[in-house]
Amino acid sequence: AETVKNIFMMYLFGVPINDICKKFANYQNKAPNGLSQWSAEAVRDILNDESYTGYQFILENDAVAVMQVGWSIIPRKIFAVTRERNAAKTCATAGILN
């Protein structure tokens, strides 16, 4: 849980994803799913995983349902800000926002 919190906080403070990976490699934090080292993809997966808010939105019978999946590691507001920032970076990289 502490690693997940650190990933979100570093990202929100502008630390690039590759630098987040290096930090965890330097401090020998275990990579997710038993991987030998952290990858940018693993960090992105964590940043995009809404279940860390304790809730998950699922499609059920053509309607969106909210399901509580556990306890919250990241407040929903922080997750939302992270998602917005990630979307803005993606659009800027694609040349959509200029």
PDB file of N, CA and C in Angstrom:
ATOM      1  N   ALA A   1       0.823  -1.198   0.000  1.00  0.00           N
ATOM      2  CA  ALA A   1       0.000   0.000   0.000  1.00  0.00           C
ATOM      3  C   ALA A   1       0.867   1.263   0.000  1.00  0.00           C
ATOM      4  N   GLU A   2       1.954   1.224   0.736  1.00  0.00           N
ATOM      5  CA  GLU A   2       2.824   2.397   0.814  1.00  0.00           C
ATOM      6  C   GLU A   2       3.476   2.682  -0.539  1.00  0.00           C
ATOM      7  N   THR A   3       3.839   1.658  -1.249  1.00  0.00           N
ATOM      8  CA  THR A   3       4.432   1.821  -2.581  1.00  0.00           C
ATOM      9  C   THR A   3       3.439   2.474  -3.534  1.00  0.00           C
ATOM     10  N   VAL A   4       2.190   2.033  -3.490  1.00  0.00           N
ATOM     11  CA  VAL A   4       1.148   2.605  -4.353  1.00  0.00           C
ATOM     12  C   VAL A   4       0.965   4.088  -4.028  1.00  0.00           C
ATOM     13  N   LYS A   5       0.898   4.423  -2.752  1.00  0.00           N
ATOM     14  CA  LYS A   5       0.760   5.834  -2.356  1.00  0.00           C
ATOM     15  C   LYS A   5       1.931   6.658  -2.879  1.00  0.00           C
ATOM     16  N   ASN A   6       3.139   6.105  -2.744  1.00  0.00           N
ATOM     17  CA  ASN A   6       4.328   6.821  -3.208  1.00  0.00           C
ATOM     18  C   ASN A   6       4.303   7.045  -4.717  1.00  0.00           C
ATOM     19  N   ILE A   7       3.853   6.059  -5.466  1.00  0.00           N
ATOM     20  CA  ILE A   7       3.766   6.193  -6.920  1.00  0.00           C
ATOM     21  C   ILE A   7       2.828   7.336  -7.286  1.00  0.00           C
ATOM     22  N   PHE A   8       1.648   7.370  -6.668  1.00  0.00           N
ATOM     23  CA  PHE A   8       0.688   8.433  -6.970  1.00  0.00           C
ATOM     24  C   PHE A   8       1.234   9.807  -6.582  1.00  0.00           C
ATOM     25  N   MET A   9       1.851   9.905  -5.414  1.00  0.00           N
ATOM     26  CA  MET A   9       2.364  11.200  -4.962  1.00  0.00           C
ATOM     27  C   MET A   9       3.502  11.682  -5.852  1.00  0.00           C
ATOM     28  N   MET A  10       4.434  10.793  -6.190  1.00  0.00           N
ATOM     29  CA  MET A  10       5.539  11.208  -7.058  1.00  0.00           C
ATOM     30  C   MET A  10       5.018  11.671  -8.413  1.00  0.00           C
ATOM     31  N   TYR A  11       4.067  10.922  -8.968  1.00  0.00           N
ATOM     32  CA  TYR A  11       3.505  11.285 -10.266  1.00  0.00           C
ATOM     33  C   TYR A  11       2.814  12.643 -10.202  1.00  0.00           C
ATOM     34  N   LEU A  12       2.046  12.873  -9.135  1.00  0.00           N
ATOM     35  CA  LEU A  12       1.359  14.160  -8.990  1.00  0.00           C
ATOM     36  C   LEU A  12       2.328  15.320  -8.809  1.00  0.00           C
ATOM     37  N   PHE A  13       3.506  15.038  -8.236  1.00  0.00           N
ATOM     38  CA  PHE A  13       4.517  16.088  -8.076  1.00  0.00           C
ATOM     39  C   PHE A  13       5.402  16.228  -9.306  1.00  0.00           C
ATOM     40  N   GLY A  14       5.047  15.520 -10.394  1.00  0.00           N
ATOM     41  CA  GLY A  14       5.731  15.712 -11.656  1.00  0.00           C
ATOM     42  C   GLY A  14       6.920  14.812 -11.921  1.00  0.00           C
ATOM     43  N   VAL A  15       7.121  13.796 -11.095  1.00  0.00           N
ATOM     44  CA  VAL A  15       8.238  12.870 -11.328  1.00  0.00           C
ATOM     45  C   VAL A  15       7.878  11.989 -12.527  1.00  0.00           C
ATOM     46  N   PRO A  16       8.736  11.952 -13.550  1.00  0.00           N
ATOM     47  CA  PRO A  16       8.457  11.110 -14.716  1.00  0.00           C
ATOM     48  C   PRO A  16       8.387   9.624 -14.345  1.00  0.00           C
ATOM     49  N   ILE A  17       7.579   8.888 -15.071  1.00  0.00           N
ATOM     50  CA  ILE A  17       7.368   7.469 -14.773  1.00  0.00           C
ATOM     51  C   ILE A  17       8.685   6.694 -14.785  1.00  0.00           C
ATOM     52  N   ASN A  18       9.574   6.973 -15.730  1.00  0.00           N
ATOM     53  CA  ASN A  18      10.853   6.252 -15.764  1.00  0.00           C
ATOM     54  C   ASN A  18      11.686   6.529 -14.520  1.00  0.00           C
ATOM     55  N   ASP A  19      11.609   7.741 -13.978  1.00  0.00           N
ATOM     56  CA  ASP A  19      12.330   8.069 -12.747  1.00  0.00           C
ATOM     57  C   ASP A  19      11.704   7.364 -11.542  1.00  0.00           C
ATOM     58  N   ILE A  20      10.399   7.185 -11.565  1.00  0.00           N
ATOM     59  CA  ILE A  20       9.736   6.430 -10.487  1.00  0.00           C
ATOM     60  C   ILE A  20      10.269   4.996 -10.492  1.00  0.00           C
ATOM     61  N   CYS A  21      10.377   4.402 -11.669  1.00  0.00           N
ATOM     62  CA  CYS A  21      10.914   3.032 -11.782  1.00  0.00           C
ATOM     63  C   CYS A  21      12.324   2.956 -11.213  1.00  0.00           C
ATOM     64  N   LYS A  22      13.165   3.928 -11.563  1.00  0.00           N
ATOM     65  CA  LYS A  22      14.553   3.943 -11.078  1.00  0.00           C
ATOM     66  C   LYS A  22      14.606   4.059  -9.564  1.00  0.00           C
ATOM     67  N   LYS A  23      13.734   4.901  -8.997  1.00  0.00           N
ATOM     68  CA  LYS A  23      13.723   5.072  -7.540  1.00  0.00           C
ATOM     69  C   LYS A  23      13.429   3.757  -6.852  1.00  0.00           C
ATOM     70  N   PHE A  24      12.416   3.044  -7.334  1.00  0.00           N
ATOM     71  CA  PHE A  24      12.066   1.778  -6.697  1.00  0.00           C
ATOM     72  C   PHE A  24      13.140   0.721  -6.916  1.00  0.00           C
ATOM     73  N   ALA A  25      13.814   0.755  -8.045  1.00  0.00           N
ATOM     74  CA  ALA A  25      14.919  -0.178  -8.287  1.00  0.00           C
ATOM     75  C   ALA A  25      16.069   0.115  -7.326  1.00  0.00           C
ATOM     76  N   ASN A  26      16.360   1.409  -7.101  1.00  0.00           N
ATOM     77  CA  ASN A  26      17.440   1.793  -6.193  1.00  0.00           C
ATOM     78  C   ASN A  26      17.162   1.385  -4.752  1.00  0.00           C
ATOM     79  N   TYR A  27      15.902   1.451  -4.344  1.00  0.00           N
ATOM     80  CA  TYR A  27      15.549   1.098  -2.971  1.00  0.00           C
ATOM     81  C   TYR A  27      15.101  -0.353  -2.843  1.00  0.00           C
ATOM     82  N   GLN A  28      15.221  -1.102  -3.917  1.00  0.00           N
ATOM     83  CA  GLN A  28      14.922  -2.527  -3.953  1.00  0.00           C
ATOM     84  C   GLN A  28      13.498  -2.853  -3.522  1.00  0.00           C
ATOM     85  N   ASN A  29      12.565  -1.963  -3.871  1.00  0.00           N
ATOM     86  CA  ASN A  29      11.156  -2.280  -3.657  1.00  0.00           C
ATOM     87  C   ASN A  29      10.788  -3.420  -4.593  1.00  0.00           C
ATOM     88  N   LYS A  30       9.977  -4.336  -4.118  1.00  0.00           N
ATOM     89  CA  LYS A  30       9.562  -5.452  -4.959  1.00  0.00           C
ATOM     90  C   LYS A  30       8.657  -4.954  -6.076  1.00  0.00           C
ATOM     91  N   ALA A  31       8.908  -5.449  -7.261  1.00  0.00           N
ATOM     92  CA  ALA A  31       8.077  -5.103  -8.408  1.00  0.00           C
ATOM     93  C   ALA A  31       6.773  -5.900  -8.329  1.00  0.00           C
ATOM     94  N   PRO A  32       5.707  -5.371  -8.946  1.00  0.00           N
ATOM     95  CA  PRO A  32       4.428  -6.083  -8.888  1.00  0.00           C
ATOM     96  C   PRO A  32       4.480  -7.409  -9.652  1.00  0.00           C
ATOM     97  N   ASN A  33       3.651  -8.326  -9.239  1.00  0.00           N
ATOM     98  CA  ASN A  33       3.493  -9.617  -9.910  1.00  0.00           C
ATOM     99  C   ASN A  33       4.784 -10.412 -10.001  1.00  0.00           C
ATOM    100  N   GLY A  34       5.688 -10.230  -9.047  1.00  0.00           N
ATOM    101  CA  GLY A  34       6.905 -11.019  -9.013  1.00  0.00           C
ATOM    102  C   GLY A  34       7.918 -10.693 -10.090  1.00  0.00           C
ATOM    103  N   LEU A  35       7.773  -9.561 -10.778  1.00  0.00           N
ATOM    104  CA  LEU A  35       8.735  -9.183 -11.803  1.00  0.00           C
ATOM    105  C   LEU A  35      10.080  -8.849 -11.163  1.00  0.00           C
ATOM    106  N   SER A  36      11.141  -9.056 -11.896  1.00  0.00           N
ATOM    107  CA  SER A  36      12.472  -8.809 -11.341  1.00  0.00           C
ATOM    108  C   SER A  36      12.783  -7.324 -11.233  1.00  0.00           C
ATOM    109  N   GLN A  37      12.161  -6.503 -12.058  1.00  0.00           N
ATOM    110  CA  GLN A  37      12.385  -5.065 -11.965  1.00  0.00           C
ATOM    111  C   GLN A  37      11.126  -4.300 -12.361  1.00  0.00           C
ATOM    112  N   TRP A  38      11.079  -3.045 -11.931  1.00  0.00           N
ATOM    113  CA  TRP A  38       9.951  -2.181 -12.249  1.00  0.00           C
ATOM    114  C   TRP A  38      10.005  -1.774 -13.709  1.00  0.00           C
ATOM    115  N   SER A  39       8.841  -1.614 -14.311  1.00  0.00           N
ATOM    116  CA  SER A  39       8.752  -1.130 -15.684  1.00  0.00           C
ATOM    117  C   SER A  39       7.781   0.042 -15.723  1.00  0.00           C
ATOM    118  N   ALA A  40       7.911   0.858 -16.775  1.00  0.00           N
ATOM    119  CA  ALA A  40       6.985   1.978 -16.956  1.00  0.00           C
ATOM    120  C   ALA A  40       5.565   1.453 -17.092  1.00  0.00           C
ATOM    121  N   GLU A  41       5.409   0.320 -17.740  1.00  0.00           N
ATOM    122  CA  GLU A  41       4.076  -0.270 -17.903  1.00  0.00           C
ATOM    123  C   GLU A  41       3.463  -0.642 -16.550  1.00  0.00           C
ATOM    124  N   ALA A  42       4.268  -1.184 -15.647  1.00  0.00           N
ATOM    125  CA  ALA A  42       3.762  -1.550 -14.316  1.00  0.00           C
ATOM    126  C   ALA A  42       3.312  -0.310 -13.545  1.00  0.00           C
ATOM    127  N   VAL A  43       4.080   0.765 -13.643  1.00  0.00           N
ATOM    128  CA  VAL A  43       3.708   2.014 -12.962  1.00  0.00           C
ATOM    129  C   VAL A  43       2.429   2.577 -13.569  1.00  0.00           C
ATOM    130  N   ARG A  44       2.339   2.585 -14.902  1.00  0.00           N
ATOM    131  CA  ARG A  44       1.120   3.071 -15.563  1.00  0.00           C
ATOM    132  C   ARG A  44      -0.096   2.237 -15.157  1.00  0.00           C
ATOM    133  N   ASP A  45       0.086   0.923 -15.062  1.00  0.00           N
ATOM    134  CA  ASP A  45      -1.023   0.061 -14.649  1.00  0.00           C
ATOM    135  C   ASP A  45      -1.521   0.444 -13.261  1.00  0.00           C
ATOM    136  N   ILE A  46      -0.599   0.733 -12.360  1.00  0.00           N
ATOM    137  CA  ILE A  46      -0.994   1.149 -11.006  1.00  0.00           C
ATOM    138  C   ILE A  46      -1.737   2.481 -11.057  1.00  0.00           C
ATOM    139  N   LEU A  47      -1.213   3.428 -11.826  1.00  0.00           N
ATOM    140  CA  LEU A  47      -1.849   4.745 -11.924  1.00  0.00           C
ATOM    141  C   LEU A  47      -3.233   4.685 -12.556  1.00  0.00           C
ATOM    142  N   ASN A  48      -3.494   3.653 -13.334  1.00  0.00           N
ATOM    143  CA  ASN A  48      -4.792   3.519 -14.010  1.00  0.00           C
ATOM    144  C   ASN A  48      -5.741   2.548 -13.321  1.00  0.00           C
ATOM    145  N   ASP A  49      -5.328   1.989 -12.195  1.00  0.00           N
ATOM    146  CA  ASP A  49      -6.143   0.979 -11.517  1.00  0.00           C
ATOM    147  C   ASP A  49      -7.045   1.630 -10.467  1.00  0.00           C
ATOM    148  N   GLU A  50      -8.279   1.784 -10.840  1.00  0.00           N
ATOM    149  CA  GLU A  50      -9.257   2.462  -9.975  1.00  0.00           C
ATOM    150  C   GLU A  50      -9.558   1.696  -8.686  1.00  0.00           C
ATOM    151  N   SER A  51      -9.249   0.432  -8.658  1.00  0.00           N
ATOM    152  CA  SER A  51      -9.544  -0.348  -7.451  1.00  0.00           C
ATOM    153  C   SER A  51      -8.747   0.142  -6.241  1.00  0.00           C
ATOM    154  N   TYR A  52      -7.664   0.907  -6.461  1.00  0.00           N
ATOM    155  CA  TYR A  52      -6.921   1.479  -5.332  1.00  0.00           C
ATOM    156  C   TYR A  52      -7.731   2.523  -4.576  1.00  0.00           C
ATOM    157  N   THR A  53      -8.828   2.991  -5.157  1.00  0.00           N
ATOM    158  CA  THR A  53      -9.717   3.924  -4.461  1.00  0.00           C
ATOM    159  C   THR A  53     -10.703   3.178  -3.560  1.00  0.00           C
ATOM    160  N   GLY A  54     -10.698   1.858  -3.653  1.00  0.00           N
ATOM    161  CA  GLY A  54     -11.639   1.043  -2.893  1.00  0.00           C
ATOM    162  C   GLY A  54     -12.907   0.744  -3.671  1.00  0.00           C
ATOM    163  N   TYR A  55     -13.030   1.345  -4.854  1.00  0.00           N
ATOM    164  CA  TYR A  55     -14.213   1.160  -5.695  1.00  0.00           C
ATOM    165  C   TYR A  55     -13.787   0.858  -7.117  1.00  0.00           C
ATOM    166  N   GLN A  56     -14.688   0.282  -7.853  1.00  0.00           N
ATOM    167  CA  GLN A  56     -14.441   0.042  -9.268  1.00  0.00           C
ATOM    168  C   GLN A  56     -15.752   0.223 -10.013  1.00  0.00           C
ATOM    169  N   PHE A  57     -15.664   0.854 -11.156  1.00  0.00           N
ATOM    170  CA  PHE A  57     -16.837   1.037 -11.995  1.00  0.00           C
ATOM    171  C   PHE A  57     -16.871  -0.097 -13.002  1.00  0.00           C
ATOM    172  N   ILE A  58     -17.990  -0.783 -13.065  1.00  0.00           N
ATOM    173  CA  ILE A  58     -18.111  -1.926 -13.972  1.00  0.00           C
ATOM    174  C   ILE A  58     -19.359  -1.768 -14.830  1.00  0.00           C
ATOM    175  N   LEU A  59     -19.312  -2.347 -15.996  1.00  0.00           N
ATOM    176  CA  LEU A  59     -20.459  -2.343 -16.897  1.00  0.00           C
ATOM    177  C   LEU A  59     -21.291  -3.577 -16.588  1.00  0.00           C
ATOM    178  N   GLU A  60     -22.549  -3.339 -16.251  1.00  0.00           N
ATOM    179  CA  GLU A  60     -23.439  -4.426 -15.862  1.00  0.00           C
ATOM    180  C   GLU A  60     -24.785  -4.216 -16.525  1.00  0.00           C
ATOM    181  N   ASN A  61     -25.163  -5.106 -17.428  1.00  0.00           N
ATOM    182  CA  ASN A  61     -26.431  -4.997 -18.145  1.00  0.00           C
ATOM    183  C   ASN A  61     -26.589  -3.633 -18.820  1.00  0.00           C
ATOM    184  N   ASP A  62     -25.545  -3.213 -19.536  1.00  0.00           N
ATOM    185  CA  ASP A  62     -25.526  -1.939 -20.267  1.00  0.00           C
ATOM    186  C   ASP A  62     -25.663  -0.708 -19.369  1.00  0.00           C
ATOM    187  N   ALA A  63     -25.364  -0.849 -18.101  1.00  0.00           N
ATOM    188  CA  ALA A  63     -25.373   0.283 -17.177  1.00  0.00           C
ATOM    189  C   ALA A  63     -24.088   0.235 -16.354  1.00  0.00           C
ATOM    190  N   VAL A  64     -23.639   1.381 -15.919  1.00  0.00           N
ATOM    191  CA  VAL A  64     -22.440   1.443 -15.095  1.00  0.00           C
ATOM    192  C   VAL A  64     -22.838   1.248 -13.639  1.00  0.00           C
ATOM    193  N   ALA A  65     -22.181   0.319 -12.985  1.00  0.00           N
ATOM    194  CA  ALA A  65     -22.433   0.067 -11.570  1.00  0.00           C
ATOM    195  C   ALA A  65     -21.142   0.324 -10.800  1.00  0.00           C
ATOM    196  N   VAL A  66     -21.283   0.810  -9.589  1.00  0.00           N
ATOM    197  CA  VAL A  66     -20.128   1.029  -8.725  1.00  0.00           C
ATOM    198  C   VAL A  66     -20.078  -0.136  -7.750  1.00  0.00           C
ATOM    199  N   MET A  67     -18.902  -0.729  -7.670  1.00  0.00           N
ATOM    200  CA  MET A  67     -18.741  -1.885  -6.794  1.00  0.00           C
ATOM    201  C   MET A  67     -17.606  -1.603  -5.816  1.00  0.00           C
ATOM    202  N   GLN A  68     -17.868  -1.810  -4.545  1.00  0.00           N
ATOM    203  CA  GLN A  68     -16.807  -1.656  -3.565  1.00  0.00           C
ATOM    204  C   GLN A  68     -15.954  -2.912  -3.615  1.00  0.00           C
ATOM    205  N   VAL A  69     -14.635  -2.720  -3.841  1.00  0.00           N
ATOM    206  CA  VAL A  69     -13.750  -3.866  -4.021  1.00  0.00           C
ATOM    207  C   VAL A  69     -12.743  -4.029  -2.888  1.00  0.00           C
ATOM    208  N   GLY A  70     -12.760  -3.151  -1.943  1.00  0.00           N
ATOM    209  CA  GLY A  70     -11.813  -3.255  -0.835  1.00  0.00           C
ATOM    210  C   GLY A  70     -11.666  -1.925  -0.146  1.00  0.00           C
ATOM    211  N   TRP A  71     -10.603  -1.800   0.624  1.00  0.00           N
ATOM    212  CA  TRP A  71     -10.376  -0.550   1.339  1.00  0.00           C
ATOM    213  C   TRP A  71      -9.558   0.392   0.471  1.00  0.00           C
ATOM    214  N   SER A  72      -9.716   1.661   0.729  1.00  0.00           N
ATOM    215  CA  SER A  72      -9.096   2.704  -0.099  1.00  0.00           C
ATOM    216  C   SER A  72      -7.634   2.915   0.275  1.00  0.00           C
ATOM    217  N   ILE A  73      -6.775   2.861  -0.729  1.00  0.00           N
ATOM    218  CA  ILE A  73      -5.373   3.222  -0.557  1.00  0.00           C
ATOM    219  C   ILE A  73      -5.174   4.665  -1.015  1.00  0.00           C
ATOM    220  N   ILE A  74      -5.878   5.030  -2.075  1.00  0.00           N
ATOM    221  CA  ILE A  74      -5.791   6.361  -2.676  1.00  0.00           C
ATOM    222  C   ILE A  74      -7.178   6.999  -2.657  1.00  0.00           C
ATOM    223  N   PRO A  75      -7.306   8.225  -2.153  1.00  0.00           N
ATOM    224  CA  PRO A  75      -8.606   8.892  -2.228  1.00  0.00           C
ATOM    225  C   PRO A  75      -9.054   9.055  -3.682  1.00  0.00           C
ATOM    226  N   ARG A  76     -10.336   8.992  -3.903  1.00  0.00           N
ATOM    227  CA  ARG A  76     -10.876   9.086  -5.266  1.00  0.00           C
ATOM    228  C   ARG A  76     -10.483  10.398  -5.946  1.00  0.00           C
ATOM    229  N   LYS A  77     -10.369  11.471  -5.189  1.00  0.00           N
ATOM    230  CA  LYS A  77      -9.988  12.769  -5.746  1.00  0.00           C
ATOM    231  C   LYS A  77      -8.566  12.719  -6.318  1.00  0.00           C
ATOM    232  N   ILE A  78      -7.651  12.090  -5.598  1.00  0.00           N
ATOM    233  CA  ILE A  78      -6.277  11.969  -6.087  1.00  0.00           C
ATOM    234  C   ILE A  78      -6.246  11.117  -7.349  1.00  0.00           C
ATOM    235  N   PHE A  79      -7.022  10.037  -7.365  1.00  0.00           N
ATOM    236  CA  PHE A  79      -7.086   9.199  -8.563  1.00  0.00           C
ATOM    237  C   PHE A  79      -7.613  10.006  -9.747  1.00  0.00           C
ATOM    238  N   ALA A  80      -8.649  10.812  -9.513  1.00  0.00           N
ATOM    239  CA  ALA A  80      -9.236  11.620 -10.586  1.00  0.00           C
ATOM    240  C   ALA A  80      -8.232  12.635 -11.129  1.00  0.00           C
ATOM    241  N   VAL A  81      -7.490  13.299 -10.250  1.00  0.00           N
ATOM    242  CA  VAL A  81      -6.487  14.275 -10.677  1.00  0.00           C
ATOM    243  C   VAL A  81      -5.385  13.572 -11.466  1.00  0.00           C
ATOM    244  N   THR A  82      -4.980  12.405 -11.011  1.00  0.00           N
ATOM    245  CA  THR A  82      -3.954  11.631 -11.717  1.00  0.00           C
ATOM    246  C   THR A  82      -4.436  11.261 -13.109  1.00  0.00           C
ATOM    247  N   ARG A  83      -5.663  10.823 -13.204  1.00  0.00           N
ATOM    248  CA  ARG A  83      -6.229  10.441 -14.504  1.00  0.00           C
ATOM    249  C   ARG A  83      -6.298  11.652 -15.443  1.00  0.00           C
ATOM    250  N   GLU A  84      -6.709  12.806 -14.921  1.00  0.00           N
ATOM    251  CA  GLU A  84      -6.769  14.024 -15.734  1.00  0.00           C
ATOM    252  C   GLU A  84      -5.381  14.416 -16.236  1.00  0.00           C
ATOM    253  N   ARG A  85      -4.398  14.364 -15.343  1.00  0.00           N
ATOM    254  CA  ARG A  85      -3.029  14.721 -15.715  1.00  0.00           C
ATOM    255  C   ARG A  85      -2.490  13.747 -16.760  1.00  0.00           C
ATOM    256  N   ASN A  86      -2.786  12.470 -16.587  1.00  0.00           N
ATOM    257  CA  ASN A  86      -2.341  11.452 -17.527  1.00  0.00           C
ATOM    258  C   ASN A  86      -2.982  11.671 -18.897  1.00  0.00           C
ATOM    259  N   ALA A  87      -4.265  12.016 -18.904  1.00  0.00           N
ATOM    260  CA  ALA A  87      -4.968  12.270 -20.168  1.00  0.00           C
ATOM    261  C   ALA A  87      -4.394  13.503 -20.863  1.00  0.00           C
ATOM    262  N   ALA A  88      -4.080  14.541 -20.101  1.00  0.00           N
ATOM    263  CA  ALA A  88      -3.511  15.757 -20.681  1.00  0.00           C
ATOM    264  C   ALA A  88      -2.145  15.471 -21.285  1.00  0.00           C
ATOM    265  N   LYS A  89      -1.324  14.665 -20.594  1.00  0.00           N
ATOM    266  CA  LYS A  89      -0.006  14.314 -21.136  1.00  0.00           C
ATOM    267  C   LYS A  89      -0.140  13.499 -22.406  1.00  0.00           C
ATOM    268  N   THR A  90      -1.096  12.572 -22.423  1.00  0.00           N
ATOM    269  CA  THR A  90      -1.313  11.749 -23.613  1.00  0.00           C
ATOM    270  C   THR A  90      -1.736  12.608 -24.781  1.00  0.00           C
ATOM    271  N   CYS A  91      -2.647  13.541 -24.548  1.00  0.00           N
ATOM    272  CA  CYS A  91      -3.106  14.428 -25.628  1.00  0.00           C
ATOM    273  C   CYS A  91      -1.971  15.328 -26.115  1.00  0.00           C
ATOM    274  N   ALA A  92      -1.170  15.843 -25.202  1.00  0.00           N
ATOM    275  CA  ALA A  92      -0.052  16.716 -25.592  1.00  0.00           C
ATOM    276  C   ALA A  92       0.958  15.939 -26.406  1.00  0.00           C
ATOM    277  N   THR A  93       1.235  14.712 -26.013  1.00  0.00           N
ATOM    278  CA  THR A  93       2.182  13.868 -26.745  1.00  0.00           C
ATOM    279  C   THR A  93       1.661  13.580 -28.146  1.00  0.00           C
ATOM    280  N   ALA A  94       0.355  13.398 -28.266  1.00  0.00           N
ATOM    281  CA  ALA A  94      -0.248  13.105 -29.568  1.00  0.00           C
ATOM    282  C   ALA A  94      -0.425  14.373 -30.416  1.00  0.00           C
ATOM    283  N   GLY A  95      -0.132  15.546 -29.831  1.00  0.00           N
ATOM    284  CA  GLY A  95      -0.262  16.793 -30.574  1.00  0.00           C
ATOM    285  C   GLY A  95      -1.682  17.339 -30.593  1.00  0.00           C
ATOM    286  N   ILE A  96      -2.539  16.849 -29.710  1.00  0.00           N
ATOM    287  CA  ILE A  96      -3.928  17.306 -29.678  1.00  0.00           C
ATOM    288  C   ILE A  96      -4.040  18.645 -28.950  1.00  0.00           C
ATOM    289  N   LEU A  97      -3.278  18.817 -27.867  1.00  0.00           N
ATOM    290  CA  LEU A  97      -3.314  20.070 -27.104  1.00  0.00           C
ATOM    291  C   LEU A  97      -2.072  20.882 -27.429  1.00  0.00           C
ATOM    292  N   ASN A  98      -2.200  21.914 -28.160  1.00  0.00           N
ATOM    293  CA  ASN A  98      -1.064  22.789 -28.458  1.00  0.00           C
ATOM    294  C   ASN A  98      -1.529  24.211 -28.633  1.00  0.00           C
TER     295      ASN A  98
END
